[in-house]
Amino acid sequence: MAKYLLAYHGGGMPDTPEEGQKIMAAWTQWMGGLGTSLVDPGNPIGPITTVASDGRASQGGGANPVTGYSVIEAPSLEAAVKMADGCPIFASGGSVEVGETFAAM
């Protein structure tokens, strides 16, 4: 079975501890629903710097920077996309980029 990277874009930090608990509960429930397909639950991503081919670094990661990631296993890209359905990032207007990974080395 192939592995897929779920790259999260958008979202934000909760305004209150109570909101943070609600958000974490939603993520825990959604990830629990992925079962054994969840290979790596991942983490949020903090400040981003993009390094260009000429070595110049720019802060911020562009117009839509990655804010977190997870890795899942699925039989196809279509199945992986369906598994992203219901992701809590959508509640805050975020998105999920789904891409198949492959062993290059």
PDB file of N, CA and C in Angstrom:
ATOM      1  N   MET A   1       0.855  -1.175   0.000  1.00  0.00           N
ATOM      2  CA  MET A   1       0.000   0.000   0.000  1.00  0.00           C
ATOM      3  C   MET A   1       0.899   1.235   0.000  1.00  0.00           C
ATOM      4  N   ALA A   2       0.502   2.249  -0.731  1.00  0.00           N
ATOM      5  CA  ALA A   2       1.292   3.470  -0.850  1.00  0.00           C
ATOM      6  C   ALA A   2       1.102   4.372   0.367  1.00  0.00           C
ATOM      7  N   LYS A   3       2.090   5.220   0.589  1.00  0.00           N
ATOM      8  CA  LYS A   3       2.008   6.237   1.650  1.00  0.00           C
ATOM      9  C   LYS A   3       1.715   7.581   1.001  1.00  0.00           C
ATOM     10  N   TYR A   4       0.920   8.375   1.723  1.00  0.00           N
ATOM     11  CA  TYR A   4       0.520   9.691   1.229  1.00  0.00           C
ATOM     12  C   TYR A   4       0.792  10.740   2.291  1.00  0.00           C
ATOM     13  N   LEU A   5       1.320  11.863   1.848  1.00  0.00           N
ATOM     14  CA  LEU A   5       1.537  13.002   2.725  1.00  0.00           C
ATOM     15  C   LEU A   5       0.285  13.861   2.707  1.00  0.00           C
ATOM     16  N   LEU A   6      -0.240  14.162   3.877  1.00  0.00           N
ATOM     17  CA  LEU A   6      -1.312  15.149   4.017  1.00  0.00           C
ATOM     18  C   LEU A   6      -0.643  16.419   4.508  1.00  0.00           C
ATOM     19  N   ALA A   7      -0.574  17.418   3.668  1.00  0.00           N
ATOM     20  CA  ALA A   7       0.030  18.703   4.028  1.00  0.00           C
ATOM     21  C   ALA A   7      -1.105  19.675   4.312  1.00  0.00           C
ATOM     22  N   TYR A   8      -1.141  20.162   5.538  1.00  0.00           N
ATOM     23  CA  TYR A   8      -2.212  21.063   5.952  1.00  0.00           C
ATOM     24  C   TYR A   8      -1.803  22.505   5.685  1.00  0.00           C
ATOM     25  N   HIS A   9      -2.755  23.276   5.183  1.00  0.00           N
ATOM     26  CA  HIS A   9      -2.539  24.703   4.910  1.00  0.00           C
ATOM     27  C   HIS A   9      -3.629  25.490   5.621  1.00  0.00           C
ATOM     28  N   GLY A  10      -3.248  26.592   6.237  1.00  0.00           N
ATOM     29  CA  GLY A  10      -4.234  27.431   6.911  1.00  0.00           C
ATOM     30  C   GLY A  10      -4.448  27.018   8.340  1.00  0.00           C
ATOM     31  N   GLY A  11      -5.596  27.394   8.855  1.00  0.00           N
ATOM     32  CA  GLY A  11      -5.877  27.153  10.265  1.00  0.00           C
ATOM     33  C   GLY A  11      -5.329  28.294  11.095  1.00  0.00           C
ATOM     34  N   GLY A  12      -5.248  28.081  12.369  1.00  0.00           N
ATOM     35  CA  GLY A  12      -4.731  29.122  13.243  1.00  0.00           C
ATOM     36  C   GLY A  12      -4.677  28.639  14.675  1.00  0.00           C
ATOM     37  N   MET A  13      -4.136  29.461  15.510  1.00  0.00           N
ATOM     38  CA  MET A  13      -4.033  29.135  16.924  1.00  0.00           C
ATOM     39  C   MET A  13      -5.356  29.492  17.607  1.00  0.00           C
ATOM     40  N   PRO A  14      -5.783  28.671  18.558  1.00  0.00           N
ATOM     41  CA  PRO A  14      -7.031  28.960  19.278  1.00  0.00           C
ATOM     42  C   PRO A  14      -6.889  30.217  20.135  1.00  0.00           C
ATOM     43  N   ASP A  15      -8.021  30.901  20.334  1.00  0.00           N
ATOM     44  CA  ASP A  15      -8.024  32.121  21.129  1.00  0.00           C
ATOM     45  C   ASP A  15      -8.065  31.852  22.629  1.00  0.00           C
ATOM     46  N   THR A  16      -8.614  30.702  23.014  1.00  0.00           N
ATOM     47  CA  THR A  16      -8.732  30.383  24.436  1.00  0.00           C
ATOM     48  C   THR A  16      -8.305  28.934  24.682  1.00  0.00           C
ATOM     49  N   PRO A  17      -7.956  28.596  25.917  1.00  0.00           N
ATOM     50  CA  PRO A  17      -7.636  27.200  26.227  1.00  0.00           C
ATOM     51  C   PRO A  17      -8.811  26.261  25.948  1.00  0.00           C
ATOM     52  N   GLU A  18     -10.016  26.724  26.186  1.00  0.00           N
ATOM     53  CA  GLU A  18     -11.204  25.902  25.931  1.00  0.00           C
ATOM     54  C   GLU A  18     -11.337  25.591  24.442  1.00  0.00           C
ATOM     55  N   GLU A  19     -11.120  26.598  23.612  1.00  0.00           N
ATOM     56  CA  GLU A  19     -11.169  26.403  22.167  1.00  0.00           C
ATOM     57  C   GLU A  19     -10.062  25.438  21.743  1.00  0.00           C
ATOM     58  N   GLY A  20      -8.898  25.559  22.350  1.00  0.00           N
ATOM     59  CA  GLY A  20      -7.784  24.661  22.061  1.00  0.00           C
ATOM     60  C   GLY A  20      -8.131  23.222  22.382  1.00  0.00           C
ATOM     61  N   GLN A  21      -8.814  23.001  23.494  1.00  0.00           N
ATOM     62  CA  GLN A  21      -9.228  21.645  23.868  1.00  0.00           C
ATOM     63  C   GLN A  21     -10.233  21.079  22.867  1.00  0.00           C
ATOM     64  N   LYS A  22     -11.149  21.923  22.407  1.00  0.00           N
ATOM     65  CA  LYS A  22     -12.138  21.490  21.407  1.00  0.00           C
ATOM     66  C   LYS A  22     -11.452  21.087  20.103  1.00  0.00           C
ATOM     67  N   ILE A  23     -10.510  21.915  19.687  1.00  0.00           N
ATOM     68  CA  ILE A  23      -9.790  21.649  18.439  1.00  0.00           C
ATOM     69  C   ILE A  23      -8.978  20.360  18.562  1.00  0.00           C
ATOM     70  N   MET A  24      -8.288  20.185  19.675  1.00  0.00           N
ATOM     71  CA  MET A  24      -7.496  18.966  19.874  1.00  0.00           C
ATOM     72  C   MET A  24      -8.391  17.732  19.911  1.00  0.00           C
ATOM     73  N   ALA A  25      -9.562  17.844  20.517  1.00  0.00           N
ATOM     74  CA  ALA A  25     -10.504  16.722  20.562  1.00  0.00           C
ATOM     75  C   ALA A  25     -10.965  16.357  19.146  1.00  0.00           C
ATOM     76  N   ALA A  26     -11.210  17.374  18.313  1.00  0.00           N
ATOM     77  CA  ALA A  26     -11.630  17.117  16.933  1.00  0.00           C
ATOM     78  C   ALA A  26     -10.522  16.407  16.155  1.00  0.00           C
ATOM     79  N   TRP A  27      -9.271  16.856  16.326  1.00  0.00           N
ATOM     80  CA  TRP A  27      -8.140  16.206  15.653  1.00  0.00           C
ATOM     81  C   TRP A  27      -7.968  14.775  16.148  1.00  0.00           C
ATOM     82  N   THR A  28      -8.076  14.568  17.444  1.00  0.00           N
ATOM     83  CA  THR A  28      -7.923  13.233  18.024  1.00  0.00           C
ATOM     84  C   THR A  28      -8.993  12.291  17.477  1.00  0.00           C
ATOM     85  N   GLN A  29     -10.230  12.767  17.402  1.00  0.00           N
ATOM     86  CA  GLN A  29     -11.323  11.943  16.886  1.00  0.00           C
ATOM     87  C   GLN A  29     -11.110  11.620  15.410  1.00  0.00           C
ATOM     88  N   TRP A  30     -10.766  12.620  14.614  1.00  0.00           N
ATOM     89  CA  TRP A  30     -10.564  12.405  13.189  1.00  0.00           C
ATOM     90  C   TRP A  30      -9.401  11.445  12.949  1.00  0.00           C
ATOM     91  N   MET A  31      -8.289  11.669  13.623  1.00  0.00           N
ATOM     92  CA  MET A  31      -7.127  10.790  13.446  1.00  0.00           C
ATOM     93  C   MET A  31      -7.429   9.379  13.931  1.00  0.00           C
ATOM     94  N   GLY A  32      -8.198   9.260  15.009  1.00  0.00           N
ATOM     95  CA  GLY A  32      -8.597   7.939  15.492  1.00  0.00           C
ATOM     96  C   GLY A  32      -9.408   7.188  14.452  1.00  0.00           C
ATOM     97  N   GLY A  33     -10.206   7.914  13.687  1.00  0.00           N
ATOM     98  CA  GLY A  33     -11.012   7.310  12.637  1.00  0.00           C
ATOM     99  C   GLY A  33     -10.186   6.789  11.465  1.00  0.00           C
ATOM    100  N   LEU A  34      -8.951   7.263  11.348  1.00  0.00           N
ATOM    101  CA  LEU A  34      -8.072   6.778  10.284  1.00  0.00           C
ATOM    102  C   LEU A  34      -7.511   5.399  10.605  1.00  0.00           C
ATOM    103  N   GLY A  35      -7.577   5.013  11.879  1.00  0.00           N
ATOM    104  CA  GLY A  35      -7.130   3.687  12.301  1.00  0.00           C
ATOM    105  C   GLY A  35      -5.686   3.408  11.947  1.00  0.00           C
ATOM    106  N   THR A  36      -5.439   2.181  11.489  1.00  0.00           N
ATOM    107  CA  THR A  36      -4.067   1.765  11.185  1.00  0.00           C
ATOM    108  C   THR A  36      -3.532   2.403   9.901  1.00  0.00           C
ATOM    109  N   SER A  37      -4.371   3.118   9.178  1.00  0.00           N
ATOM    110  CA  SER A  37      -3.897   3.836   7.985  1.00  0.00           C
ATOM    111  C   SER A  37      -3.016   5.023   8.357  1.00  0.00           C
ATOM    112  N   LEU A  38      -3.130   5.484   9.592  1.00  0.00           N
ATOM    113  CA  LEU A  38      -2.329   6.620  10.045  1.00  0.00           C
ATOM    114  C   LEU A  38      -0.930   6.120  10.397  1.00  0.00           C
ATOM    115  N   VAL A  39       0.038   6.431   9.548  1.00  0.00           N
ATOM    116  CA  VAL A  39       1.421   5.987   9.721  1.00  0.00           C
ATOM    117  C   VAL A  39       2.162   6.922  10.666  1.00  0.00           C
ATOM    118  N   ASP A  40       1.952   8.220  10.502  1.00  0.00           N
ATOM    119  CA  ASP A  40       2.618   9.252  11.310  1.00  0.00           C
ATOM    120  C   ASP A  40       1.605  10.375  11.506  1.00  0.00           C
ATOM    121  N   PRO A  41       1.164  10.617  12.752  1.00  0.00           N
ATOM    122  CA  PRO A  41       0.178  11.672  12.963  1.00  0.00           C
ATOM    123  C   PRO A  41       0.724  13.059  12.638  1.00  0.00           C
ATOM    124  N   GLY A  42       2.039  13.193  12.596  1.00  0.00           N
ATOM    125  CA  GLY A  42       2.647  14.463  12.236  1.00  0.00           C
ATOM    126  C   GLY A  42       2.600  15.477  13.350  1.00  0.00           C
ATOM    127  N   ASN A  43       2.728  16.733  12.964  1.00  0.00           N
ATOM    128  CA  ASN A  43       2.776  17.851  13.901  1.00  0.00           C
ATOM    129  C   ASN A  43       2.424  19.137  13.184  1.00  0.00           C
ATOM    130  N   PRO A  44       2.081  20.160  13.971  1.00  0.00           N
ATOM    131  CA  PRO A  44       1.977  21.493  13.374  1.00  0.00           C
ATOM    132  C   PRO A  44       3.378  21.959  12.959  1.00  0.00           C
ATOM    133  N   ILE A  45       3.424  22.917  12.068  1.00  0.00           N
ATOM    134  CA  ILE A  45       4.693  23.490  11.618  1.00  0.00           C
ATOM    135  C   ILE A  45       4.706  24.959  11.999  1.00  0.00           C
ATOM    136  N   GLY A  46       5.812  25.398  12.565  1.00  0.00           N
ATOM    137  CA  GLY A  46       5.959  26.776  13.020  1.00  0.00           C
ATOM    138  C   GLY A  46       6.444  27.696  11.911  1.00  0.00           C
ATOM    139  N   PRO A  47       7.186  28.713  12.282  1.00  0.00           N
ATOM    140  CA  PRO A  47       7.678  29.680  11.287  1.00  0.00           C
ATOM    141  C   PRO A  47       8.421  28.988  10.146  1.00  0.00           C
ATOM    142  N   ILE A  48       8.226  29.500   8.933  1.00  0.00           N
ATOM    143  CA  ILE A  48       8.780  28.892   7.729  1.00  0.00           C
ATOM    144  C   ILE A  48       9.724  29.850   7.027  1.00  0.00           C
ATOM    145  N   THR A  49      10.828  29.290   6.526  1.00  0.00           N
ATOM    146  CA  THR A  49      11.746  30.005   5.660  1.00  0.00           C
ATOM    147  C   THR A  49      11.890  29.202   4.381  1.00  0.00           C
ATOM    148  N   THR A  50      11.768  29.855   3.247  1.00  0.00           N
ATOM    149  CA  THR A  50      11.940  29.202   1.953  1.00  0.00           C
ATOM    150  C   THR A  50      13.319  29.541   1.420  1.00  0.00           C
ATOM    151  N   VAL A  51      14.071  28.516   1.021  1.00  0.00           N
ATOM    152  CA  VAL A  51      15.405  28.709   0.460  1.00  0.00           C
ATOM    153  C   VAL A  51      15.312  28.471  -1.042  1.00  0.00           C
ATOM    154  N   ALA A  52      15.682  29.473  -1.833  1.00  0.00           N
ATOM    155  CA  ALA A  52      15.633  29.390  -3.291  1.00  0.00           C
ATOM    156  C   ALA A  52      16.887  28.712  -3.832  1.00  0.00           C
ATOM    157  N   SER A  53      16.865  28.355  -5.115  1.00  0.00           N
ATOM    158  CA  SER A  53      17.999  27.669  -5.729  1.00  0.00           C
ATOM    159  C   SER A  53      19.279  28.495  -5.696  1.00  0.00           C
ATOM    160  N   ASP A  54      19.150  29.816  -5.617  1.00  0.00           N
ATOM    161  CA  ASP A  54      20.333  30.681  -5.540  1.00  0.00           C
ATOM    162  C   ASP A  54      20.818  30.879  -4.104  1.00  0.00           C
ATOM    163  N   GLY A  55      20.162  30.210  -3.172  1.00  0.00           N
ATOM    164  CA  GLY A  55      20.589  30.293  -1.773  1.00  0.00           C
ATOM    165  C   GLY A  55      19.908  31.383  -0.966  1.00  0.00           C
ATOM    166  N   ARG A  56      19.147  32.247  -1.621  1.00  0.00           N
ATOM    167  CA  ARG A  56      18.452  33.305  -0.879  1.00  0.00           C
ATOM    168  C   ARG A  56      17.314  32.707  -0.062  1.00  0.00           C
ATOM    169  N   ALA A  57      17.161  33.218   1.133  1.00  0.00           N
ATOM    170  CA  ALA A  57      16.101  32.745   2.029  1.00  0.00           C
ATOM    171  C   ALA A  57      15.064  33.846   2.207  1.00  0.00           C
ATOM    172  N   SER A  58      13.788  33.441   2.178  1.00  0.00           N
ATOM    173  CA  SER A  58      12.710  34.397   2.428  1.00  0.00           C
ATOM    174  C   SER A  58      11.808  33.831   3.513  1.00  0.00           C
ATOM    175  N   GLN A  59      11.319  34.702   4.337  1.00  0.00           N
ATOM    176  CA  GLN A  59      10.482  34.310   5.464  1.00  0.00           C
ATOM    177  C   GLN A  59       9.027  34.151   5.041  1.00  0.00           C
ATOM    178  N   GLY A  60       8.311  33.252   5.700  1.00  0.00           N
ATOM    179  CA  GLY A  60       6.868  33.179   5.545  1.00  0.00           C
ATOM    180  C   GLY A  60       6.323  32.066   4.688  1.00  0.00           C
ATOM    181  N   GLY A  61       7.108  31.432   3.848  1.00  0.00           N
ATOM    182  CA  GLY A  61       6.620  30.290   3.086  1.00  0.00           C
ATOM    183  C   GLY A  61       5.682  30.602   1.937  1.00  0.00           C
ATOM    184  N   GLY A  62       5.590  31.826   1.488  1.00  0.00           N
ATOM    185  CA  GLY A  62       4.748  32.141   0.340  1.00  0.00           C
ATOM    186  C   GLY A  62       3.305  32.425   0.708  1.00  0.00           C
ATOM    187  N   ALA A  63       2.447  32.357  -0.304  1.00  0.00           N
ATOM    188  CA  ALA A  63       1.047  32.751  -0.138  1.00  0.00           C
ATOM    189  C   ALA A  63       0.232  31.768   0.695  1.00  0.00           C
ATOM    190  N   ASN A  64       0.589  30.487   0.678  1.00  0.00           N
ATOM    191  CA  ASN A  64      -0.209  29.486   1.374  1.00  0.00           C
ATOM    192  C   ASN A  64       0.720  28.458   2.031  1.00  0.00           C
ATOM    193  N   PRO A  65       1.427  28.849   3.087  1.00  0.00           N
ATOM    194  CA  PRO A  65       2.434  27.964   3.665  1.00  0.00           C
ATOM    195  C   PRO A  65       1.833  26.735   4.345  1.00  0.00           C
ATOM    196  N   VAL A  66       2.630  25.689   4.397  1.00  0.00           N
ATOM    197  CA  VAL A  66       2.256  24.473   5.110  1.00  0.00           C
ATOM    198  C   VAL A  66       2.204  24.793   6.604  1.00  0.00           C
ATOM    199  N   THR A  67       1.138  24.327   7.272  1.00  0.00           N
ATOM    200  CA  THR A  67       1.004  24.574   8.714  1.00  0.00           C
ATOM    201  C   THR A  67       1.046  23.286   9.530  1.00  0.00           C
ATOM    202  N   GLY A  68       1.128  22.137   8.848  1.00  0.00           N
ATOM    203  CA  GLY A  68       1.227  20.861   9.542  1.00  0.00           C
ATOM    204  C   GLY A  68       1.213  19.729   8.541  1.00  0.00           C
ATOM    205  N   TYR A  69       1.381  18.509   9.042  1.00  0.00           N
ATOM    206  CA  TYR A  69       1.410  17.351   8.159  1.00  0.00           C
ATOM    207  C   TYR A  69       1.028  16.080   8.901  1.00  0.00           C
ATOM    208  N   SER A  70       0.647  15.063   8.148  1.00  0.00           N
ATOM    209  CA  SER A  70       0.464  13.692   8.617  1.00  0.00           C
ATOM    210  C   SER A  70       0.837  12.784   7.458  1.00  0.00           C
ATOM    211  N   VAL A  71       1.082  11.501   7.751  1.00  0.00           N
ATOM    212  CA  VAL A  71       1.346  10.509   6.721  1.00  0.00           C
ATOM    213  C   VAL A  71       0.366   9.357   6.928  1.00  0.00           C
ATOM    214  N   ILE A  72      -0.292   8.966   5.825  1.00  0.00           N
ATOM    215  CA  ILE A  72      -1.243   7.847   5.872  1.00  0.00           C
ATOM    216  C   ILE A  72      -0.868   6.811   4.815  1.00  0.00           C
ATOM    217  N   GLU A  73      -1.439   5.624   4.939  1.00  0.00           N
ATOM    218  CA  GLU A  73      -1.345   4.600   3.908  1.00  0.00           C
ATOM    219  C   GLU A  73      -2.726   4.426   3.306  1.00  0.00           C
ATOM    220  N   ALA A  74      -2.753   4.260   1.984  1.00  0.00           N
ATOM    221  CA  ALA A  74      -4.029   4.059   1.285  1.00  0.00           C
ATOM    222  C   ALA A  74      -3.766   3.302  -0.005  1.00  0.00           C
ATOM    223  N   PRO A  75      -4.782   2.623  -0.531  1.00  0.00           N
ATOM    224  CA  PRO A  75      -4.599   1.854  -1.760  1.00  0.00           C
ATOM    225  C   PRO A  75      -4.512   2.705  -3.031  1.00  0.00           C
ATOM    226  N   SER A  76      -4.935   3.976  -2.951  1.00  0.00           N
ATOM    227  CA  SER A  76      -4.899   4.850  -4.132  1.00  0.00           C
ATOM    228  C   SER A  76      -4.968   6.307  -3.690  1.00  0.00           C
ATOM    229  N   LEU A  77      -4.641   7.193  -4.614  1.00  0.00           N
ATOM    230  CA  LEU A  77      -4.764   8.624  -4.338  1.00  0.00           C
ATOM    231  C   LEU A  77      -6.212   8.974  -4.027  1.00  0.00           C
ATOM    232  N   GLU A  78      -7.135   8.402  -4.762  1.00  0.00           N
ATOM    233  CA  GLU A  78      -8.550   8.686  -4.539  1.00  0.00           C
ATOM    234  C   GLU A  78      -8.975   8.280  -3.128  1.00  0.00           C
ATOM    235  N   ALA A  79      -8.491   7.128  -2.671  1.00  0.00           N
ATOM    236  CA  ALA A  79      -8.805   6.672  -1.311  1.00  0.00           C
ATOM    237  C   ALA A  79      -8.183   7.602  -0.274  1.00  0.00           C
ATOM    238  N   ALA A  80      -6.971   8.062  -0.531  1.00  0.00           N
ATOM    239  CA  ALA A  80      -6.303   8.986   0.398  1.00  0.00           C
ATOM    240  C   ALA A  80      -7.061  10.307   0.483  1.00  0.00           C
ATOM    241  N   VAL A  81      -7.544  10.788  -0.658  1.00  0.00           N
ATOM    242  CA  VAL A  81      -8.326  12.026  -0.680  1.00  0.00           C
ATOM    243  C   VAL A  81      -9.594  11.849   0.145  1.00  0.00           C
ATOM    244  N   LYS A  82     -10.246  10.698   0.014  1.00  0.00           N
ATOM    245  CA  LYS A  82     -11.458  10.435   0.807  1.00  0.00           C
ATOM    246  C   LYS A  82     -11.145  10.399   2.296  1.00  0.00           C
ATOM    247  N   MET A  83      -9.965   9.904   2.650  1.00  0.00           N
ATOM    248  CA  MET A  83      -9.578   9.844   4.062  1.00  0.00           C
ATOM    249  C   MET A  83      -9.364  11.244   4.637  1.00  0.00           C
ATOM    250  N   ALA A  84      -9.023  12.204   3.782  1.00  0.00           N
ATOM    251  CA  ALA A  84      -8.843  13.585   4.238  1.00  0.00           C
ATOM    252  C   ALA A  84     -10.179  14.267   4.534  1.00  0.00           C
ATOM    253  N   ASP A  85     -11.267  13.674   4.035  1.00  0.00           N
ATOM    254  CA  ASP A  85     -12.593  14.230   4.272  1.00  0.00           C
ATOM    255  C   ASP A  85     -12.854  14.324   5.782  1.00  0.00           C
ATOM    256  N   GLY A  86     -13.378  15.420   6.213  1.00  0.00           N
ATOM    257  CA  GLY A  86     -13.686  15.601   7.629  1.00  0.00           C
ATOM    258  C   GLY A  86     -12.521  16.111   8.459  1.00  0.00           C
ATOM    259  N   CYS A  87     -11.392  16.393   7.826  1.00  0.00           N
ATOM    260  CA  CYS A  87     -10.237  16.904   8.567  1.00  0.00           C
ATOM    261  C   CYS A  87     -10.614  18.197   9.293  1.00  0.00           C
ATOM    262  N   PRO A  88     -10.235  18.335  10.556  1.00  0.00           N
ATOM    263  CA  PRO A  88     -10.589  19.521  11.331  1.00  0.00           C
ATOM    264  C   PRO A  88     -10.035  20.843  10.771  1.00  0.00           C
ATOM    265  N   ILE A  89      -9.028  20.799   9.914  1.00  0.00           N
ATOM    266  CA  ILE A  89      -8.485  22.040   9.343  1.00  0.00           C
ATOM    267  C   ILE A  89      -9.537  22.769   8.519  1.00  0.00           C
ATOM    268  N   PHE A  90     -10.510  22.019   7.983  1.00  0.00           N
ATOM    269  CA  PHE A  90     -11.556  22.633   7.165  1.00  0.00           C
ATOM    270  C   PHE A  90     -12.440  23.581   7.973  1.00  0.00           C
ATOM    271  N   ALA A  91     -12.603  23.299   9.268  1.00  0.00           N
ATOM    272  CA  ALA A  91     -13.460  24.128  10.118  1.00  0.00           C
ATOM    273  C   ALA A  91     -12.940  25.557  10.236  1.00  0.00           C
ATOM    274  N   SER A  92     -11.641  25.750  10.035  1.00  0.00           N
ATOM    275  CA  SER A  92     -11.071  27.092  10.131  1.00  0.00           C
ATOM    276  C   SER A  92     -10.726  27.654   8.757  1.00  0.00           C
ATOM    277  N   GLY A  93     -11.283  27.046   7.701  1.00  0.00           N
ATOM    278  CA  GLY A  93     -11.057  27.552   6.350  1.00  0.00           C
ATOM    279  C   GLY A  93      -9.777  27.044   5.709  1.00  0.00           C
ATOM    280  N   GLY A  94      -9.098  26.090   6.343  1.00  0.00           N
ATOM    281  CA  GLY A  94      -7.858  25.555   5.798  1.00  0.00           C
ATOM    282  C   GLY A  94      -8.112  24.508   4.726  1.00  0.00           C
ATOM    283  N   SER A  95      -7.025  23.951   4.211  1.00  0.00           N
ATOM    284  CA  SER A  95      -7.102  22.942   3.171  1.00  0.00           C
ATOM    285  C   SER A  95      -6.088  21.838   3.434  1.00  0.00           C
ATOM    286  N   VAL A  96      -6.260  20.721   2.713  1.00  0.00           N
ATOM    287  CA  VAL A  96      -5.342  19.593   2.817  1.00  0.00           C
ATOM    288  C   VAL A  96      -4.840  19.268   1.421  1.00  0.00           C
ATOM    289  N   GLU A  97      -3.540  19.236   1.267  1.00  0.00           N
ATOM    290  CA  GLU A  97      -2.912  18.818   0.027  1.00  0.00           C
ATOM    291  C   GLU A  97      -2.529  17.351   0.209  1.00  0.00           C
ATOM    292  N   VAL A  98      -2.928  16.487  -0.712  1.00  0.00           N
ATOM    293  CA  VAL A  98      -2.684  15.050  -0.593  1.00  0.00           C
ATOM    294  C   VAL A  98      -1.752  14.641  -1.721  1.00  0.00           C
ATOM    295  N   GLY A  99      -0.619  14.018  -1.369  1.00  0.00           N
ATOM    296  CA  GLY A  99       0.323  13.586  -2.398  1.00  0.00           C
ATOM    297  C   GLY A  99       0.957  12.253  -2.052  1.00  0.00           C
ATOM    298  N   GLU A 100       1.090  11.395  -3.063  1.00  0.00           N
ATOM    299  CA  GLU A 100       1.722  10.092  -2.856  1.00  0.00           C
ATOM    300  C   GLU A 100       3.228  10.277  -2.702  1.00  0.00           C
ATOM    301  N   THR A 101       3.789   9.554  -1.737  1.00  0.00           N
ATOM    302  CA  THR A 101       5.238   9.554  -1.567  1.00  0.00           C
ATOM    303  C   THR A 101       5.775   8.265  -2.176  1.00  0.00           C
ATOM    304  N   PHE A 102       7.047   8.252  -2.511  1.00  0.00           N
ATOM    305  CA  PHE A 102       7.655   7.032  -3.020  1.00  0.00           C
ATOM    306  C   PHE A 102       9.117   6.998  -2.617  1.00  0.00           C
ATOM    307  N   ALA A 103       9.620   5.796  -2.484  1.00  0.00           N
ATOM    308  CA  ALA A 103      11.011   5.608  -2.085  1.00  0.00           C
ATOM    309  C   ALA A 103      11.914   5.912  -3.266  1.00  0.00           C
ATOM    310  N   ALA A 104      12.779   6.870  -3.115  1.00  0.00           N
ATOM    311  CA  ALA A 104      13.691   7.250  -4.179  1.00  0.00           C
ATOM    312  C   ALA A 104      15.094   6.693  -3.924  1.00  0.00           C
ATOM    313  N   MET A 105      15.359   6.289  -2.731  1.00  0.00           N
ATOM    314  CA  MET A 105      16.686   5.767  -2.391  1.00  0.00           C
ATOM    315  C   MET A 105      16.552   4.495  -1.598  1.00  0.00           C
TER     316      MET A 105
END
